[in-house]
Amino acid sequence: MLRVYGGMIVLALAGPVAAQQRLGEVQAPRAPEQVYAKVCGYCHGRNVGPILLGRHLPAETVKYVARHGQNGMPAFRPTEVTPAELDALAAWIATAPARKEEHGQ
């Protein structure tokens, strides 16, 4: 019985490790919606950071704040959000409609 539980624990831990990016491995470009959900949506629209979608923020402003940070928001390095991903993300945020499920200021 102990072996069964041990095997289950090893399998449970192996999945997340196998899914991580390896050192030196180039990450495939992510769609703007994916970047927003993984990076921005963690705070924005959840009463932590201001709502971004539906405000038609200028793309250049989005890019500047993402790279330099502002108030409590951290700056995101090109290794976290590539320049191409940030260009696509900023253009998407500038034109994206508001979402009912987002809340905050």
PDB file of N, CA and C in Angstrom:
ATOM      1  N   MET A   1       0.826  -1.196   0.000  1.00  0.00           N
ATOM      2  CA  MET A   1       0.000   0.000   0.000  1.00  0.00           C
ATOM      3  C   MET A   1       0.867   1.255   0.000  1.00  0.00           C
ATOM      4  N   LEU A   2       1.982   1.190   0.768  1.00  0.00           N
ATOM      5  CA  LEU A   2       2.894   2.328   0.831  1.00  0.00           C
ATOM      6  C   LEU A   2       3.498   2.614  -0.543  1.00  0.00           C
ATOM      7  N   ARG A   3       3.780   1.541  -1.313  1.00  0.00           N
ATOM      8  CA  ARG A   3       4.336   1.716  -2.658  1.00  0.00           C
ATOM      9  C   ARG A   3       3.334   2.420  -3.582  1.00  0.00           C
ATOM     10  N   VAL A   4       2.068   2.077  -3.443  1.00  0.00           N
ATOM     11  CA  VAL A   4       1.041   2.698  -4.286  1.00  0.00           C
ATOM     12  C   VAL A   4       0.988   4.199  -4.021  1.00  0.00           C
ATOM     13  N   TYR A   5       0.979   4.593  -2.745  1.00  0.00           N
ATOM     14  CA  TYR A   5       0.930   6.010  -2.413  1.00  0.00           C
ATOM     15  C   TYR A   5       2.215   6.713  -2.855  1.00  0.00           C
ATOM     16  N   GLY A   6       3.341   6.035  -2.682  1.00  0.00           N
ATOM     17  CA  GLY A   6       4.615   6.615  -3.119  1.00  0.00           C
ATOM     18  C   GLY A   6       4.637   6.838  -4.617  1.00  0.00           C
ATOM     19  N   GLY A   7       4.142   5.879  -5.375  1.00  0.00           N
ATOM     20  CA  GLY A   7       4.073   6.014  -6.826  1.00  0.00           C
ATOM     21  C   GLY A   7       3.149   7.135  -7.251  1.00  0.00           C
ATOM     22  N   MET A   8       2.036   7.278  -6.547  1.00  0.00           N
ATOM     23  CA  MET A   8       1.090   8.347  -6.868  1.00  0.00           C
ATOM     24  C   MET A   8       1.717   9.716  -6.603  1.00  0.00           C
ATOM     25  N   ILE A   9       2.469   9.833  -5.538  1.00  0.00           N
ATOM     26  CA  ILE A   9       3.118  11.106  -5.220  1.00  0.00           C
ATOM     27  C   ILE A   9       4.154  11.448  -6.278  1.00  0.00           C
ATOM     28  N   VAL A  10       4.947  10.461  -6.688  1.00  0.00           N
ATOM     29  CA  VAL A  10       5.965  10.705  -7.717  1.00  0.00           C
ATOM     30  C   VAL A  10       5.308  11.148  -9.019  1.00  0.00           C
ATOM     31  N   LEU A  11       4.236  10.501  -9.428  1.00  0.00           N
ATOM     32  CA  LEU A  11       3.539  10.885 -10.655  1.00  0.00           C
ATOM     33  C   LEU A  11       2.937  12.284 -10.538  1.00  0.00           C
ATOM     34  N   ALA A  12       2.415  12.612  -9.372  1.00  0.00           N
ATOM     35  CA  ALA A  12       1.820  13.934  -9.178  1.00  0.00           C
ATOM     36  C   ALA A  12       2.870  15.020  -9.282  1.00  0.00           C
ATOM     37  N   LEU A  13       4.068  14.754  -8.797  1.00  0.00           N
ATOM     38  CA  LEU A  13       5.142  15.749  -8.844  1.00  0.00           C
ATOM     39  C   LEU A  13       5.820  15.796 -10.199  1.00  0.00           C
ATOM     40  N   ALA A  14       5.831  14.720 -10.922  1.00  0.00           N
ATOM     41  CA  ALA A  14       6.530  14.668 -12.206  1.00  0.00           C
ATOM     42  C   ALA A  14       5.818  15.477 -13.273  1.00  0.00           C
ATOM     43  N   GLY A  15       4.514  15.569 -13.248  1.00  0.00           N
ATOM     44  CA  GLY A  15       3.755  16.294 -14.265  1.00  0.00           C
ATOM     45  C   GLY A  15       4.135  17.751 -14.348  1.00  0.00           C
ATOM     46  N   PRO A  16       4.065  18.514 -13.241  1.00  0.00           N
ATOM     47  CA  PRO A  16       4.425  19.932 -13.307  1.00  0.00           C
ATOM     48  C   PRO A  16       5.890  20.153 -13.689  1.00  0.00           C
ATOM     49  N   VAL A  17       6.790  19.299 -13.239  1.00  0.00           N
ATOM     50  CA  VAL A  17       8.201  19.462 -13.576  1.00  0.00           C
ATOM     51  C   VAL A  17       8.407  19.273 -15.066  1.00  0.00           C
ATOM     52  N   ALA A  18       7.754  18.273 -15.656  1.00  0.00           N
ATOM     53  CA  ALA A  18       7.904  18.000 -17.080  1.00  0.00           C
ATOM     54  C   ALA A  18       7.332  19.128 -17.928  1.00  0.00           C
ATOM     55  N   ALA A  19       6.334  19.860 -17.421  1.00  0.00           N
ATOM     56  CA  ALA A  19       5.693  20.924 -18.189  1.00  0.00           C
ATOM     57  C   ALA A  19       6.478  22.235 -18.139  1.00  0.00           C
ATOM     58  N   GLN A  20       7.479  22.385 -17.277  1.00  0.00           N
ATOM     59  CA  GLN A  20       8.218  23.632 -17.142  1.00  0.00           C
ATOM     60  C   GLN A  20       9.201  23.815 -18.285  1.00  0.00           C
ATOM     61  N   GLN A  21       9.520  25.086 -18.515  1.00  0.00           N
ATOM     62  CA  GLN A  21      10.500  25.426 -19.530  1.00  0.00           C
ATOM     63  C   GLN A  21      11.886  25.083 -19.001  1.00  0.00           C
ATOM     64  N   ARG A  22      12.723  24.533 -19.882  1.00  0.00           N
ATOM     65  CA  ARG A  22      14.087  24.172 -19.505  1.00  0.00           C
ATOM     66  C   ARG A  22      15.027  25.319 -19.827  1.00  0.00           C
ATOM     67  N   LEU A  23      16.120  25.387 -19.108  1.00  0.00           N
ATOM     68  CA  LEU A  23      17.115  26.417 -19.299  1.00  0.00           C
ATOM     69  C   LEU A  23      17.620  26.397 -20.737  1.00  0.00           C
ATOM     70  N   GLY A  24      17.617  27.545 -21.396  1.00  0.00           N
ATOM     71  CA  GLY A  24      18.089  27.656 -22.760  1.00  0.00           C
ATOM     72  C   GLY A  24      17.041  27.320 -23.815  1.00  0.00           C
ATOM     73  N   GLU A  25      15.915  26.801 -23.395  1.00  0.00           N
ATOM     74  CA  GLU A  25      14.852  26.436 -24.319  1.00  0.00           C
ATOM     75  C   GLU A  25      14.061  27.689 -24.694  1.00  0.00           C
ATOM     76  N   VAL A  26      13.853  27.903 -25.979  1.00  0.00           N
ATOM     77  CA  VAL A  26      13.106  29.071 -26.451  1.00  0.00           C
ATOM     78  C   VAL A  26      11.618  28.786 -26.324  1.00  0.00           C
ATOM     79  N   GLN A  27      10.928  29.714 -25.681  1.00  0.00           N
ATOM     80  CA  GLN A  27       9.498  29.566 -25.464  1.00  0.00           C
ATOM     81  C   GLN A  27       8.736  29.981 -26.724  1.00  0.00           C
ATOM     82  N   ALA A  28       7.734  29.226 -27.102  1.00  0.00           N
ATOM     83  CA  ALA A  28       6.911  29.576 -28.258  1.00  0.00           C
ATOM     84  C   ALA A  28       6.145  30.857 -27.945  1.00  0.00           C
ATOM     85  N   PRO A  29       5.972  31.736 -28.942  1.00  0.00           N
ATOM     86  CA  PRO A  29       5.218  32.969 -28.694  1.00  0.00           C
ATOM     87  C   PRO A  29       3.798  32.649 -28.224  1.00  0.00           C
ATOM     88  N   ARG A  30       3.341  33.448 -27.274  1.00  0.00           N
ATOM     89  CA  ARG A  30       2.000  33.256 -26.727  1.00  0.00           C
ATOM     90  C   ARG A  30       1.046  34.289 -27.318  1.00  0.00           C
ATOM     91  N   ALA A  31      -0.204  33.915 -27.478  1.00  0.00           N
ATOM     92  CA  ALA A  31      -1.227  34.835 -27.965  1.00  0.00           C
ATOM     93  C   ALA A  31      -1.477  35.907 -26.893  1.00  0.00           C
ATOM     94  N   PRO A  32      -1.911  37.104 -27.306  1.00  0.00           N
ATOM     95  CA  PRO A  32      -2.154  38.169 -26.324  1.00  0.00           C
ATOM     96  C   PRO A  32      -3.120  37.756 -25.211  1.00  0.00           C
ATOM     97  N   GLU A  33      -4.133  36.992 -25.573  1.00  0.00           N
ATOM     98  CA  GLU A  33      -5.097  36.552 -24.567  1.00  0.00           C
ATOM     99  C   GLU A  33      -4.428  35.664 -23.510  1.00  0.00           C
ATOM    100  N   GLN A  34      -3.467  34.844 -23.955  1.00  0.00           N
ATOM    101  CA  GLN A  34      -2.748  33.973 -23.019  1.00  0.00           C
ATOM    102  C   GLN A  34      -1.855  34.804 -22.096  1.00  0.00           C
ATOM    103  N   VAL A  35      -1.150  35.766 -22.667  1.00  0.00           N
ATOM    104  CA  VAL A  35      -0.268  36.610 -21.850  1.00  0.00           C
ATOM    105  C   VAL A  35      -1.098  37.390 -20.836  1.00  0.00           C
ATOM    106  N   TYR A  36      -2.221  37.923 -21.285  1.00  0.00           N
ATOM    107  CA  TYR A  36      -3.082  38.684 -20.377  1.00  0.00           C
ATOM    108  C   TYR A  36      -3.566  37.794 -19.233  1.00  0.00           C
ATOM    109  N   ALA A  37      -4.020  36.606 -19.563  1.00  0.00           N
ATOM    110  CA  ALA A  37      -4.545  35.699 -18.544  1.00  0.00           C
ATOM    111  C   ALA A  37      -3.457  35.276 -17.553  1.00  0.00           C
ATOM    112  N   LYS A  38      -2.252  35.004 -18.035  1.00  0.00           N
ATOM    113  CA  LYS A  38      -1.175  34.509 -17.159  1.00  0.00           C
ATOM    114  C   LYS A  38      -0.449  35.620 -16.420  1.00  0.00           C
ATOM    115  N   VAL A  39      -0.264  36.788 -17.049  1.00  0.00           N
ATOM    116  CA  VAL A  39       0.562  37.835 -16.470  1.00  0.00           C
ATOM    117  C   VAL A  39      -0.286  38.983 -15.922  1.00  0.00           C
ATOM    118  N   CYS A  40      -1.130  39.565 -16.738  1.00  0.00           N
ATOM    119  CA  CYS A  40      -1.877  40.769 -16.362  1.00  0.00           C
ATOM    120  C   CYS A  40      -3.103  40.431 -15.507  1.00  0.00           C
ATOM    121  N   GLY A  41      -3.839  39.427 -15.944  1.00  0.00           N
ATOM    122  CA  GLY A  41      -5.096  39.087 -15.306  1.00  0.00           C
ATOM    123  C   GLY A  41      -4.954  38.606 -13.876  1.00  0.00           C
ATOM    124  N   TYR A  42      -3.723  38.341 -13.464  1.00  0.00           N
ATOM    125  CA  TYR A  42      -3.490  37.932 -12.067  1.00  0.00           C
ATOM    126  C   TYR A  42      -3.911  39.058 -11.119  1.00  0.00           C
ATOM    127  N   CYS A  43      -3.716  40.316 -11.531  1.00  0.00           N
ATOM    128  CA  CYS A  43      -4.062  41.478 -10.702  1.00  0.00           C
ATOM    129  C   CYS A  43      -5.164  42.336 -11.324  1.00  0.00           C
ATOM    130  N   HIS A  44      -5.053  42.605 -12.621  1.00  0.00           N
ATOM    131  CA  HIS A  44      -5.989  43.533 -13.258  1.00  0.00           C
ATOM    132  C   HIS A  44      -7.359  42.893 -13.415  1.00  0.00           C
ATOM    133  N   GLY A  45      -8.363  43.659 -12.970  1.00  0.00           N
ATOM    134  CA  GLY A  45      -9.726  43.164 -13.040  1.00  0.00           C
ATOM    135  C   GLY A  45     -10.102  42.287 -11.871  1.00  0.00           C
ATOM    136  N   ARG A  46      -9.222  42.251 -10.858  1.00  0.00           N
ATOM    137  CA  ARG A  46      -9.492  41.437  -9.656  1.00  0.00           C
ATOM    138  C   ARG A  46      -9.310  42.259  -8.397  1.00  0.00           C
ATOM    139  N   ASN A  47      -9.636  43.529  -8.472  1.00  0.00           N
ATOM    140  CA  ASN A  47      -9.552  44.450  -7.340  1.00  0.00           C
ATOM    141  C   ASN A  47      -8.141  44.674  -6.827  1.00  0.00           C
ATOM    142  N   VAL A  48      -7.120  44.331  -7.593  1.00  0.00           N
ATOM    143  CA  VAL A  48      -5.740  44.605  -7.194  1.00  0.00           C
ATOM    144  C   VAL A  48      -5.198  45.743  -8.053  1.00  0.00           C
ATOM    145  N   GLY A  49      -5.220  45.564  -9.348  1.00  0.00           N
ATOM    146  CA  GLY A  49      -4.798  46.595 -10.290  1.00  0.00           C
ATOM    147  C   GLY A  49      -6.022  47.131 -11.010  1.00  0.00           C
ATOM    148  N   PRO A  50      -5.880  48.288 -11.653  1.00  0.00           N
ATOM    149  CA  PRO A  50      -7.039  48.845 -12.372  1.00  0.00           C
ATOM    150  C   PRO A  50      -7.449  47.963 -13.542  1.00  0.00           C
ATOM    151  N   ILE A  51      -8.695  48.090 -13.928  1.00  0.00           N
ATOM    152  CA  ILE A  51      -9.208  47.375 -15.093  1.00  0.00           C
ATOM    153  C   ILE A  51      -8.543  47.951 -16.333  1.00  0.00           C
ATOM    154  N   LEU A  52      -8.098  47.089 -17.217  1.00  0.00           N
ATOM    155  CA  LEU A  52      -7.447  47.517 -18.455  1.00  0.00           C
ATOM    156  C   LEU A  52      -8.358  47.363 -19.666  1.00  0.00           C
ATOM    157  N   LEU A  53      -9.104  46.290 -19.717  1.00  0.00           N
ATOM    158  CA  LEU A  53      -9.908  45.993 -20.907  1.00  0.00           C
ATOM    159  C   LEU A  53     -11.107  46.920 -20.997  1.00  0.00           C
ATOM    160  N   GLY A  54     -11.390  47.360 -22.217  1.00  0.00           N
ATOM    161  CA  GLY A  54     -12.545  48.214 -22.450  1.00  0.00           C
ATOM    162  C   GLY A  54     -12.273  49.685 -22.210  1.00  0.00           C
ATOM    163  N   ARG A  55     -11.052  50.043 -21.830  1.00  0.00           N
ATOM    164  CA  ARG A  55     -10.718  51.450 -21.567  1.00  0.00           C
ATOM    165  C   ARG A  55     -10.015  52.101 -22.755  1.00  0.00           C
ATOM    166  N   HIS A  56      -9.697  51.309 -23.761  1.00  0.00           N
ATOM    167  CA  HIS A  56      -9.036  51.802 -24.980  1.00  0.00           C
ATOM    168  C   HIS A  56      -7.765  52.574 -24.647  1.00  0.00           C
ATOM    169  N   LEU A  57      -6.962  52.003 -23.776  1.00  0.00           N
ATOM    170  CA  LEU A  57      -5.681  52.608 -23.401  1.00  0.00           C
ATOM    171  C   LEU A  57      -4.741  52.594 -24.605  1.00  0.00           C
ATOM    172  N   PRO A  58      -3.976  53.658 -24.817  1.00  0.00           N
ATOM    173  CA  PRO A  58      -3.030  53.664 -25.930  1.00  0.00           C
ATOM    174  C   PRO A  58      -2.000  52.534 -25.781  1.00  0.00           C
ATOM    175  N   ALA A  59      -1.718  51.875 -26.884  1.00  0.00           N
ATOM    176  CA  ALA A  59      -0.785  50.743 -26.866  1.00  0.00           C
ATOM    177  C   ALA A  59       0.586  51.168 -26.337  1.00  0.00           C
ATOM    178  N   GLU A  60       1.048  52.348 -26.698  1.00  0.00           N
ATOM    179  CA  GLU A  60       2.362  52.811 -26.241  1.00  0.00           C
ATOM    180  C   GLU A  60       2.381  52.976 -24.723  1.00  0.00           C
ATOM    181  N   THR A  61       1.278  53.431 -24.139  1.00  0.00           N
ATOM    182  CA  THR A  61       1.192  53.572 -22.685  1.00  0.00           C
ATOM    183  C   THR A  61       1.258  52.206 -22.014  1.00  0.00           C
ATOM    184  N   VAL A  62       0.536  51.245 -22.551  1.00  0.00           N
ATOM    185  CA  VAL A  62       0.539  49.882 -21.998  1.00  0.00           C
ATOM    186  C   VAL A  62       1.953  49.316 -22.028  1.00  0.00           C
ATOM    187  N   LYS A  63       2.643  49.495 -23.131  1.00  0.00           N
ATOM    188  CA  LYS A  63       4.007  48.956 -23.256  1.00  0.00           C
ATOM    189  C   LYS A  63       4.964  49.638 -22.282  1.00  0.00           C
ATOM    190  N   TYR A  64       4.856  50.958 -22.152  1.00  0.00           N
ATOM    191  CA  TYR A  64       5.752  51.688 -21.259  1.00  0.00           C
ATOM    192  C   TYR A  64       5.545  51.237 -19.804  1.00  0.00           C
ATOM    193  N   VAL A  65       4.310  51.175 -19.371  1.00  0.00           N
ATOM    194  CA  VAL A  65       4.028  50.789 -17.980  1.00  0.00           C
ATOM    195  C   VAL A  65       4.436  49.333 -17.742  1.00  0.00           C
ATOM    196  N   ALA A  66       4.215  48.473 -18.700  1.00  0.00           N
ATOM    197  CA  ALA A  66       4.601  47.063 -18.537  1.00  0.00           C
ATOM    198  C   ALA A  66       6.116  46.923 -18.387  1.00  0.00           C
ATOM    199  N   ARG A  67       6.882  47.707 -19.100  1.00  0.00           N
ATOM    200  CA  ARG A  67       8.349  47.602 -19.026  1.00  0.00           C
ATOM    201  C   ARG A  67       8.953  48.353 -17.843  1.00  0.00           C
ATOM    202  N   HIS A  68       8.300  49.441 -17.419  1.00  0.00           N
ATOM    203  CA  HIS A  68       8.886  50.264 -16.362  1.00  0.00           C
ATOM    204  C   HIS A  68       8.169  50.147 -15.017  1.00  0.00           C
ATOM    205  N   GLY A  69       6.976  49.567 -14.992  1.00  0.00           N
ATOM    206  CA  GLY A  69       6.218  49.480 -13.761  1.00  0.00           C
ATOM    207  C   GLY A  69       5.603  50.828 -13.426  1.00  0.00           C
ATOM    208  N   GLN A  70       4.672  50.815 -12.493  1.00  0.00           N
ATOM    209  CA  GLN A  70       4.035  52.065 -12.055  1.00  0.00           C
ATOM    210  C   GLN A  70       3.325  51.785 -10.752  1.00  0.00           C
ATOM    211  N   ASN A  71       3.509  52.692  -9.785  1.00  0.00           N
ATOM    212  CA  ASN A  71       2.939  52.535  -8.446  1.00  0.00           C
ATOM    213  C   ASN A  71       3.305  51.155  -7.904  1.00  0.00           C
ATOM    214  N   GLY A  72       2.377  50.301  -7.625  1.00  0.00           N
ATOM    215  CA  GLY A  72       2.687  48.983  -7.083  1.00  0.00           C
ATOM    216  C   GLY A  72       2.921  47.914  -8.134  1.00  0.00           C
ATOM    217  N   MET A  73       2.746  48.267  -9.396  1.00  0.00           N
ATOM    218  CA  MET A  73       2.918  47.264 -10.455  1.00  0.00           C
ATOM    219  C   MET A  73       4.394  47.072 -10.778  1.00  0.00           C
ATOM    220  N   PRO A  74       4.836  45.823 -10.822  1.00  0.00           N
ATOM    221  CA  PRO A  74       6.237  45.578 -11.172  1.00  0.00           C
ATOM    222  C   PRO A  74       6.485  45.760 -12.669  1.00  0.00           C
ATOM    223  N   ALA A  75       7.736  45.991 -13.026  1.00  0.00           N
ATOM    224  CA  ALA A  75       8.141  46.021 -14.432  1.00  0.00           C
ATOM    225  C   ALA A  75       8.354  44.584 -14.884  1.00  0.00           C
ATOM    226  N   PHE A  76       7.989  44.303 -16.124  1.00  0.00           N
ATOM    227  CA  PHE A  76       8.159  42.955 -16.670  1.00  0.00           C
ATOM    228  C   PHE A  76       9.302  42.972 -17.671  1.00  0.00           C
ATOM    229  N   ARG A  77      10.252  42.079 -17.459  1.00  0.00           N
ATOM    230  CA  ARG A  77      11.443  41.990 -18.320  1.00  0.00           C
ATOM    231  C   ARG A  77      11.114  41.312 -19.650  1.00  0.00           C
ATOM    232  N   PRO A  78      11.937  41.569 -20.664  1.00  0.00           N
ATOM    233  CA  PRO A  78      11.719  40.892 -21.951  1.00  0.00           C
ATOM    234  C   PRO A  78      11.808  39.370 -21.848  1.00  0.00           C
ATOM    235  N   THR A  79      12.451  38.865 -20.806  1.00  0.00           N
ATOM    236  CA  THR A  79      12.478  37.413 -20.628  1.00  0.00           C
ATOM    237  C   THR A  79      11.152  36.887 -20.085  1.00  0.00           C
ATOM    238  N   GLU A  80      10.343  37.771 -19.513  1.00  0.00           N
ATOM    239  CA  GLU A  80       9.030  37.367 -18.995  1.00  0.00           C
ATOM    240  C   GLU A  80       7.937  37.553 -20.047  1.00  0.00           C
ATOM    241  N   VAL A  81       7.994  38.692 -20.732  1.00  0.00           N
ATOM    242  CA  VAL A  81       7.073  39.000 -21.837  1.00  0.00           C
ATOM    243  C   VAL A  81       7.960  39.517 -22.963  1.00  0.00           C
ATOM    244  N   THR A  82       8.068  38.752 -24.029  1.00  0.00           N
ATOM    245  CA  THR A  82       8.974  39.127 -25.118  1.00  0.00           C
ATOM    246  C   THR A  82       8.503  40.423 -25.782  1.00  0.00           C
ATOM    247  N   PRO A  83       9.401  41.123 -26.478  1.00  0.00           N
ATOM    248  CA  PRO A  83       8.978  42.340 -27.181  1.00  0.00           C
ATOM    249  C   PRO A  83       7.827  42.093 -28.162  1.00  0.00           C
ATOM    250  N   ALA A  84       7.873  40.993 -28.885  1.00  0.00           N
ATOM    251  CA  ALA A  84       6.781  40.690 -29.832  1.00  0.00           C
ATOM    252  C   ALA A  84       5.470  40.426 -29.084  1.00  0.00           C
ATOM    253  N   GLU A  85       5.561  39.702 -27.967  1.00  0.00           N
ATOM    254  CA  GLU A  85       4.350  39.448 -27.173  1.00  0.00           C
ATOM    255  C   GLU A  85       3.791  40.744 -26.605  1.00  0.00           C
ATOM    256  N   LEU A  86       4.668  41.638 -26.157  1.00  0.00           N
ATOM    257  CA  LEU A  86       4.211  42.900 -25.583  1.00  0.00           C
ATOM    258  C   LEU A  86       3.561  43.776 -26.650  1.00  0.00           C
ATOM    259  N   ASP A  87       4.127  43.818 -27.847  1.00  0.00           N
ATOM    260  CA  ASP A  87       3.508  44.579 -28.943  1.00  0.00           C
ATOM    261  C   ASP A  87       2.091  44.064 -29.207  1.00  0.00           C
ATOM    262  N   ALA A  88       1.956  42.751 -29.320  1.00  0.00           N
ATOM    263  CA  ALA A  88       0.643  42.158 -29.601  1.00  0.00           C
ATOM    264  C   ALA A  88      -0.316  42.361 -28.431  1.00  0.00           C
ATOM    265  N   LEU A  89       0.203  42.226 -27.215  1.00  0.00           N
ATOM    266  CA  LEU A  89      -0.628  42.414 -26.021  1.00  0.00           C
ATOM    267  C   LEU A  89      -1.143  43.847 -25.930  1.00  0.00           C
ATOM    268  N   ALA A  90      -0.263  44.824 -26.144  1.00  0.00           N
ATOM    269  CA  ALA A  90      -0.658  46.233 -26.052  1.00  0.00           C
ATOM    270  C   ALA A  90      -1.704  46.579 -27.105  1.00  0.00           C
ATOM    271  N   ALA A  91      -1.522  46.081 -28.317  1.00  0.00           N
ATOM    272  CA  ALA A  91      -2.509  46.326 -29.381  1.00  0.00           C
ATOM    273  C   ALA A  91      -3.844  45.673 -29.034  1.00  0.00           C
ATOM    274  N   TRP A  92      -3.783  44.489 -28.447  1.00  0.00           N
ATOM    275  CA  TRP A  92      -5.016  43.779 -28.069  1.00  0.00           C
ATOM    276  C   TRP A  92      -5.733  44.516 -26.942  1.00  0.00           C
ATOM    277  N   ILE A  93      -4.990  44.948 -25.923  1.00  0.00           N
ATOM    278  CA  ILE A  93      -5.608  45.673 -24.805  1.00  0.00           C
ATOM    279  C   ILE A  93      -6.240  46.975 -25.299  1.00  0.00           C
ATOM    280  N   ALA A  94      -5.600  47.643 -26.250  1.00  0.00           N
ATOM    281  CA  ALA A  94      -6.110  48.924 -26.754  1.00  0.00           C
ATOM    282  C   ALA A  94      -7.476  48.773 -27.422  1.00  0.00           C
ATOM    283  N   THR A  95      -7.773  47.600 -27.942  1.00  0.00           N
ATOM    284  CA  THR A  95      -9.026  47.427 -28.677  1.00  0.00           C
ATOM    285  C   THR A  95      -9.985  46.429 -28.030  1.00  0.00           C
ATOM    286  N   ALA A  96      -9.550  45.759 -26.971  1.00  0.00           N
ATOM    287  CA  ALA A  96     -10.382  44.712 -26.359  1.00  0.00           C
ATOM    288  C   ALA A  96     -11.602  45.323 -25.668  1.00  0.00           C
ATOM    289  N   PRO A  97     -12.739  44.665 -25.780  1.00  0.00           N
ATOM    290  CA  PRO A  97     -13.926  45.141 -25.062  1.00  0.00           C
ATOM    291  C   PRO A  97     -13.827  44.824 -23.573  1.00  0.00           C
ATOM    292  N   ALA A  98     -14.635  45.505 -22.789  1.00  0.00           N
ATOM    293  CA  ALA A  98     -14.680  45.248 -21.346  1.00  0.00           C
ATOM    294  C   ALA A  98     -15.234  43.848 -21.098  1.00  0.00           C
ATOM    295  N   ARG A  99     -14.842  43.280 -19.967  1.00  0.00           N
ATOM    296  CA  ARG A  99     -15.361  41.965 -19.566  1.00  0.00           C
ATOM    297  C   ARG A  99     -16.192  42.132 -18.301  1.00  0.00           C
ATOM    298  N   LYS A 100     -17.367  41.508 -18.309  1.00  0.00           N
ATOM    299  CA  LYS A 100     -18.259  41.613 -17.153  1.00  0.00           C
ATOM    300  C   LYS A 100     -17.650  40.995 -15.907  1.00  0.00           C
ATOM    301  N   GLU A 101     -16.845  39.936 -16.092  1.00  0.00           N
ATOM    302  CA  GLU A 101     -16.301  39.228 -14.931  1.00  0.00           C
ATOM    303  C   GLU A 101     -15.170  39.983 -14.242  1.00  0.00           C
ATOM    304  N   GLU A 102     -14.616  41.006 -14.880  1.00  0.00           N
ATOM    305  CA  GLU A 102     -13.554  41.786 -14.242  1.00  0.00           C
ATOM    306  C   GLU A 102     -14.183  42.850 -13.347  1.00  0.00           C
ATOM    307  N   HIS A 103     -13.541  43.098 -12.242  1.00  0.00           N
ATOM    308  CA  HIS A 103     -14.054  44.110 -11.326  1.00  0.00           C
ATOM    309  C   HIS A 103     -12.898  44.873 -10.718  1.00  0.00           C
ATOM    310  N   GLY A 104     -13.202  46.057 -10.263  1.00  0.00           N
ATOM    311  CA  GLY A 104     -12.182  46.936  -9.687  1.00  0.00           C
ATOM    312  C   GLY A 104     -12.387  48.347 -10.191  1.00  0.00           C
ATOM    313  N   GLN A 105     -11.312  49.096 -10.250  1.00  0.00           N
ATOM    314  CA  GLN A 105     -11.407  50.504 -10.660  1.00  0.00           C
ATOM    315  C   GLN A 105     -11.016  50.677 -12.109  1.00  0.00           C
TER     316      GLN A 105
END
